[in-house]
Amino acid sequence: MLNTITAEDTKEKIVHSPYFEADNLLIYKDDILKITSIPNSSVDLIVTSPPYNVDIHYNSHADNLTYENYLEFTQKWIKKCFDLAKNEGRFLLNIPLDKNKGGQKSVGADFTQIAKDIGWKYHSTIIWNEGNISRRTAWGSFMSASAPYVIAPVELILVLYKDSWKKTGGSRKNDITKQEFMDWTNGIWTFNGQSKKGAGGHPAPFPIELPRRCIKLFSFIGDTILDPFLGSGSTLIASYMHGRKGIGVEIDEKYCNIAMDRLQWETKLNELPLLE
């Protein structure tokens, strides 16, 4: 008896199909908490910068949760990433050191503890010196010991792993130079951030240099890289440029399109026909 393809089957296929597919790159317009298209234990390296919860005006989701709700959301998506990672999987997480909007919060310490409670193992922390101290607008009690604010112009990149730090699988082919290795194994990285204009208008882009370093230092050629908050597409651009397979998940169609446009512009990739 022939199988009948129903409307529900078609709908299911559309839901699980990539929004964009080209040359070992996939973009899914989906919620990282709900996506089922990515198999568990299939990802070699996760590189991402989640929403910072500092009231940035994204197109389709709130960035002003209570801190408790923000940490609850954080626990859920970090657990999802843990499930998707291979046993030798690594997790490079770009977050603020702390947060002072709405009260002082130890973001870096809290994220680290959440990840460890889930099962991620801590390896190290990279300090990204973005050098944006000139943009600060709050000083607390200016020129007074009453209640001054101390603000560090840096962000963190937490380096975590799932089970085993030493990678034995994959191609074992590297593309990192000796000078890059020497420079990047120094845990203080200094480079500029990314302008909104240079990232298609995304309100909080991160520069391609950040995932580029993470990918070359912590993965082999041919590895699968995931960014669960793809945004303007920096992680997929770096993945493509360095011979990795890239998967991006982005809930907002506007930012999916920004990422697609940047991929085509910055990598000159030959796009395959989009899935209907």
Protein backbone atom coordinates (compact mmCIF):
# COMPACT_ATOMS: atom_id res chain seq x y z
CA MET A 1 0.00 0.00 0.00
CA LEU A 2 1.37 3.42 -0.95
CA ASN A 3 2.08 5.92 1.80
CA THR A 4 -0.10 9.00 1.50
CA ILE A 5 1.60 12.38 1.96
CA THR A 6 -0.72 14.53 4.02
CA ALA A 7 -0.82 18.27 4.63
CA GLU A 8 0.58 17.58 8.09
CA ASP A 9 3.56 15.75 6.57
CA THR A 10 4.24 18.73 4.32
CA LYS A 11 3.95 21.13 7.24
CA GLU A 12 6.33 18.96 9.29
CA LYS A 13 8.86 18.95 6.45
CA ILE A 14 8.73 22.74 6.17
CA VAL A 15 9.13 23.19 9.92
CA HIS A 16 12.23 21.00 10.00
CA SER A 17 13.80 22.31 6.79
CA PRO A 18 16.62 24.87 6.94
CA TYR A 19 15.71 28.46 6.21
CA PHE A 20 18.94 28.67 4.23
CA GLU A 21 21.37 26.01 2.98
CA ALA A 22 24.62 26.43 1.05
CA ASP A 23 28.09 24.83 1.02
CA ASN A 24 28.03 23.08 4.43
CA LEU A 25 26.11 25.97 6.00
CA LEU A 26 22.64 25.77 7.52
CA ILE A 27 20.44 28.46 9.02
CA TYR A 28 17.36 27.39 10.94
CA LYS A 29 14.68 29.95 11.73
CA ASP A 30 13.78 28.39 15.03
CA ASP A 31 13.95 28.62 18.81
CA ILE A 32 17.03 26.92 20.25
CA LEU A 33 14.88 25.57 23.08
CA LYS A 34 12.46 23.90 20.65
CA ILE A 35 14.54 22.92 17.62
CA THR A 36 14.57 19.21 16.76
CA SER A 37 16.40 19.39 13.43
CA ILE A 38 19.87 19.10 14.97
CA PRO A 39 20.68 15.60 16.30
CA ASN A 40 21.92 15.24 19.85
CA SER A 41 25.66 14.59 20.24
CA SER A 42 26.42 15.95 16.76
CA VAL A 43 28.21 19.27 17.36
CA ASP A 44 31.97 19.68 17.82
CA LEU A 45 32.10 23.33 18.87
CA ILE A 46 29.51 25.85 20.02
CA VAL A 47 30.42 29.51 19.69
CA THR A 48 27.85 32.09 20.68
CA SER A 49 27.00 35.35 22.36
CA PRO A 50 23.51 35.18 23.89
CA PRO A 51 21.22 38.16 24.48
CA TYR A 52 22.75 40.16 27.34
CA ASN A 53 19.43 41.18 28.95
CA VAL A 54 20.37 44.86 28.99
CA ASP A 55 17.24 46.12 27.19
CA ILE A 56 18.68 46.05 23.69
CA HIS A 57 15.82 46.48 21.22
CA TYR A 58 15.77 43.22 19.30
CA ASN A 59 13.13 42.69 16.67
CA SER A 60 11.17 39.82 18.21
CA HIS A 61 12.08 39.09 21.81
CA ALA A 62 12.43 40.86 25.13
CA ASP A 63 15.88 41.73 26.43
CA ASN A 64 14.69 43.05 29.77
CA LEU A 65 13.73 40.01 31.82
CA THR A 66 14.18 39.98 35.56
CA TYR A 67 17.63 38.64 36.36
CA GLU A 68 16.10 35.52 37.90
CA ASN A 69 14.08 34.81 34.74
CA TYR A 70 17.12 35.53 32.61
CA LEU A 71 19.16 32.94 34.50
CA GLU A 72 16.29 30.45 34.20
CA PHE A 73 16.29 30.96 30.41
CA THR A 74 20.08 30.64 30.43
CA GLN A 75 19.90 27.29 32.21
CA LYS A 76 17.50 25.94 29.59
CA TRP A 77 19.46 26.89 26.49
CA ILE A 78 22.84 25.89 27.94
CA LYS A 79 21.33 22.47 28.76
CA LYS A 80 20.10 22.20 25.16
CA CYS A 81 23.62 22.95 23.92
CA PHE A 82 24.99 20.29 26.25
CA ASP A 83 22.66 17.73 24.69
CA LEU A 84 23.65 18.73 21.14
CA ALA A 85 27.40 18.57 21.79
CA LYS A 86 29.54 15.49 21.17
CA ASN A 87 31.39 13.98 24.13
CA GLU A 88 34.49 15.86 22.97
CA GLY A 89 32.39 18.94 22.29
CA ARG A 90 33.53 22.38 23.36
CA PHE A 91 31.55 25.48 24.27
CA LEU A 92 32.90 29.02 23.78
CA LEU A 93 30.52 31.46 25.44
CA ASN A 94 30.92 35.23 25.04
CA ILE A 95 29.23 37.09 27.91
CA PRO A 96 29.70 40.23 30.00
CA LEU A 97 31.89 40.08 33.07
CA ASP A 98 29.12 41.75 35.04
CA LYS A 99 25.98 43.81 34.63
CA ASN A 100 25.20 47.11 36.30
CA LYS A 101 21.95 48.09 34.61
CA GLY A 102 19.21 47.41 37.15
CA GLY A 103 21.68 46.50 39.88
CA GLN A 104 25.11 44.92 40.02
CA LYS A 105 25.06 41.28 38.86
CA SER A 106 27.96 38.83 38.55
CA VAL A 107 27.02 37.53 35.10
CA GLY A 108 30.28 35.71 34.38
CA ALA A 109 30.30 33.87 37.70
CA ASP A 110 26.60 33.00 37.48
CA PHE A 111 26.84 31.63 33.93
CA THR A 112 29.89 29.58 34.86
CA GLN A 113 28.09 28.00 37.79
CA ILE A 114 24.98 27.24 35.73
CA ALA A 115 27.09 25.56 33.03
CA LYS A 116 28.98 23.47 35.60
CA ASP A 117 25.74 22.41 37.31
CA ILE A 118 24.44 21.18 33.93
CA GLY A 119 27.56 19.08 33.34
CA TRP A 120 29.89 21.31 31.34
CA LYS A 121 33.45 21.22 32.61
CA TYR A 122 35.38 24.45 33.05
CA HIS A 123 38.67 24.84 31.19
CA SER A 124 39.60 28.53 31.18
CA THR A 125 38.43 32.09 30.60
CA ILE A 126 39.59 34.38 27.81
CA ILE A 127 39.36 38.11 28.47
CA TRP A 128 38.25 40.11 25.45
CA ASN A 129 39.49 43.67 25.77
CA GLU A 130 37.06 45.49 23.52
CA GLY A 131 38.31 48.88 24.72
CA ASN A 132 34.92 50.57 24.96
CA ILE A 133 35.40 52.36 28.27
CA SER A 134 34.94 55.68 26.46
CA ARG A 135 31.28 54.78 25.82
CA ARG A 136 30.38 54.56 29.50
CA THR A 137 27.58 56.83 30.68
CA ALA A 138 27.32 55.96 34.39
CA TRP A 139 29.87 56.80 37.06
CA GLY A 140 27.83 56.36 40.22
CA SER A 141 28.88 58.95 42.78
CA PHE A 142 31.20 60.96 40.52
CA MET A 143 34.36 62.11 42.27
CA SER A 144 33.09 60.74 45.58
CA ALA A 145 33.65 57.62 47.65
CA SER A 146 29.92 57.50 48.37
CA ALA A 147 28.94 54.96 45.68
CA PRO A 148 31.27 54.92 42.64
CA TYR A 149 30.76 52.41 39.81
CA VAL A 150 33.73 50.32 38.71
CA ILE A 151 33.25 49.25 35.10
CA ALA A 152 35.71 47.00 33.27
CA PRO A 153 35.82 47.55 29.47
CA VAL A 154 36.10 43.80 28.86
CA GLU A 155 33.95 40.79 28.12
CA LEU A 156 34.52 37.12 28.84
CA ILE A 157 34.78 34.09 26.61
CA LEU A 158 34.19 31.05 28.80
CA VAL A 159 35.96 27.93 27.53
CA LEU A 160 34.01 24.82 28.54
CA TYR A 161 33.93 21.20 27.42
CA LYS A 162 31.52 18.30 27.76
CA ASP A 163 33.45 15.17 28.71
CA SER A 164 37.03 15.01 27.44
CA TRP A 165 39.20 18.05 26.77
CA LYS A 166 41.57 16.25 24.41
CA LYS A 167 40.12 15.85 20.92
CA THR A 168 40.80 12.48 19.31
CA GLY A 169 38.07 12.51 16.65
CA GLY A 170 37.50 14.56 13.54
CA SER A 171 39.92 15.25 10.71
CA ARG A 172 42.76 16.27 13.07
CA LYS A 173 43.68 18.84 10.40
CA ASN A 174 44.60 22.29 11.67
CA ASP A 175 44.76 25.63 9.89
CA ILE A 176 46.19 27.76 12.68
CA THR A 177 49.60 29.39 12.21
CA LYS A 178 52.36 29.29 14.80
CA GLN A 179 52.00 33.01 15.45
CA GLU A 180 48.23 32.75 15.85
CA PHE A 181 48.64 29.87 18.29
CA MET A 182 51.19 31.77 20.35
CA ASP A 183 49.09 34.94 20.39
CA TRP A 184 45.70 33.35 21.02
CA THR A 185 46.78 31.01 23.81
CA ASN A 186 47.50 34.20 25.73
CA GLY A 187 44.20 34.64 27.54
CA ILE A 188 43.81 38.36 26.84
CA TRP A 189 42.50 39.16 23.37
CA THR A 190 42.40 42.74 22.15
CA PHE A 191 40.37 43.72 19.09
CA ASN A 192 37.50 46.06 18.32
CA GLY A 193 33.82 45.24 18.40
CA GLN A 194 31.49 45.22 15.41
CA SER A 195 29.42 48.22 14.33
CA LYS A 196 25.69 47.84 13.67
CA LYS A 197 26.18 49.30 10.21
CA GLY A 198 28.78 46.68 9.34
CA ALA A 199 26.41 43.90 10.42
CA GLY A 200 23.34 44.89 8.45
CA GLY A 201 21.78 46.82 11.30
CA HIS A 202 21.67 44.03 13.90
CA PRO A 203 21.54 45.80 17.30
CA ALA A 204 24.22 43.70 19.02
CA PRO A 205 26.59 42.06 16.51
CA PHE A 206 29.89 40.51 17.45
CA PRO A 207 32.93 40.79 15.19
CA ILE A 208 33.97 37.95 12.90
CA GLU A 209 37.37 38.01 14.61
CA LEU A 210 35.87 36.50 17.76
CA PRO A 211 34.45 33.27 16.26
CA ARG A 212 37.40 33.13 13.84
CA ARG A 213 39.85 32.79 16.72
CA CYS A 214 37.63 30.37 18.63
CA ILE A 215 37.11 28.17 15.57
CA LYS A 216 40.76 28.01 14.50
CA LEU A 217 42.08 27.44 18.03
CA PHE A 218 39.50 24.96 19.31
CA SER A 219 38.32 22.92 16.29
CA PHE A 220 39.65 20.90 13.37
CA ILE A 221 38.95 21.53 9.70
CA GLY A 222 35.64 19.85 8.85
CA ASP A 223 34.22 20.06 12.38
CA THR A 224 30.61 21.08 12.94
CA ILE A 225 30.17 24.52 14.52
CA LEU A 226 26.90 25.70 16.08
CA ASP A 227 25.73 29.17 17.02
CA PRO A 228 22.37 28.94 18.82
CA PHE A 229 21.91 32.74 18.67
CA LEU A 230 23.11 33.40 15.14
CA GLY A 231 22.15 37.06 14.94
CA SER A 232 23.99 38.74 12.07
CA GLY A 233 25.82 35.54 11.09
CA SER A 234 29.42 36.17 12.20
CA THR A 235 29.95 32.59 13.38
CA LEU A 236 28.80 31.06 10.09
CA ILE A 237 30.97 33.45 8.10
CA ALA A 238 34.03 32.38 10.11
CA SER A 239 33.03 28.70 9.83
CA TYR A 240 32.79 28.89 6.05
CA MET A 241 36.03 30.84 5.64
CA HIS A 242 37.94 28.20 7.59
CA GLY A 243 36.49 25.00 6.18
CA ARG A 244 34.08 24.04 8.94
CA LYS A 245 30.44 23.03 8.74
CA GLY A 246 28.29 25.77 10.22
CA ILE A 247 24.84 25.62 11.79
CA GLY A 248 23.05 28.75 12.96
CA VAL A 249 19.77 28.97 14.85
CA GLU A 250 17.96 32.31 14.84
CA ILE A 251 14.40 32.89 15.99
CA ASP A 252 13.92 36.16 14.10
CA GLU A 253 13.34 36.11 10.34
CA LYS A 254 14.77 39.62 9.94
CA TYR A 255 18.10 38.52 11.41
CA CYS A 256 18.06 35.29 9.39
CA ASN A 257 17.92 37.46 6.29
CA ILE A 258 20.69 39.74 7.56
CA ALA A 259 22.87 36.66 8.17
CA MET A 260 22.12 35.32 4.68
CA ASP A 261 23.00 38.64 3.06
CA ARG A 262 26.26 38.89 5.01
CA LEU A 263 27.22 35.32 4.12
CA GLN A 264 26.72 35.98 0.44
CA TRP A 265 28.49 39.34 0.55
CA GLU A 266 31.46 38.55 2.80
CA THR A 267 32.25 35.00 1.66
CA LYS A 268 31.13 35.19 -1.98
CA LEU A 269 29.76 31.68 -1.53
CA ASN A 270 27.91 29.99 -4.34
CA GLU A 271 24.43 29.61 -2.97
CA LEU A 272 22.50 26.43 -3.60
CA PRO A 273 18.81 26.77 -4.44
CA LEU A 274 16.81 27.59 -1.32
CA LEU A 275 14.51 24.86 -0.09
CA GLU A 276 10.92 25.45 -1.06
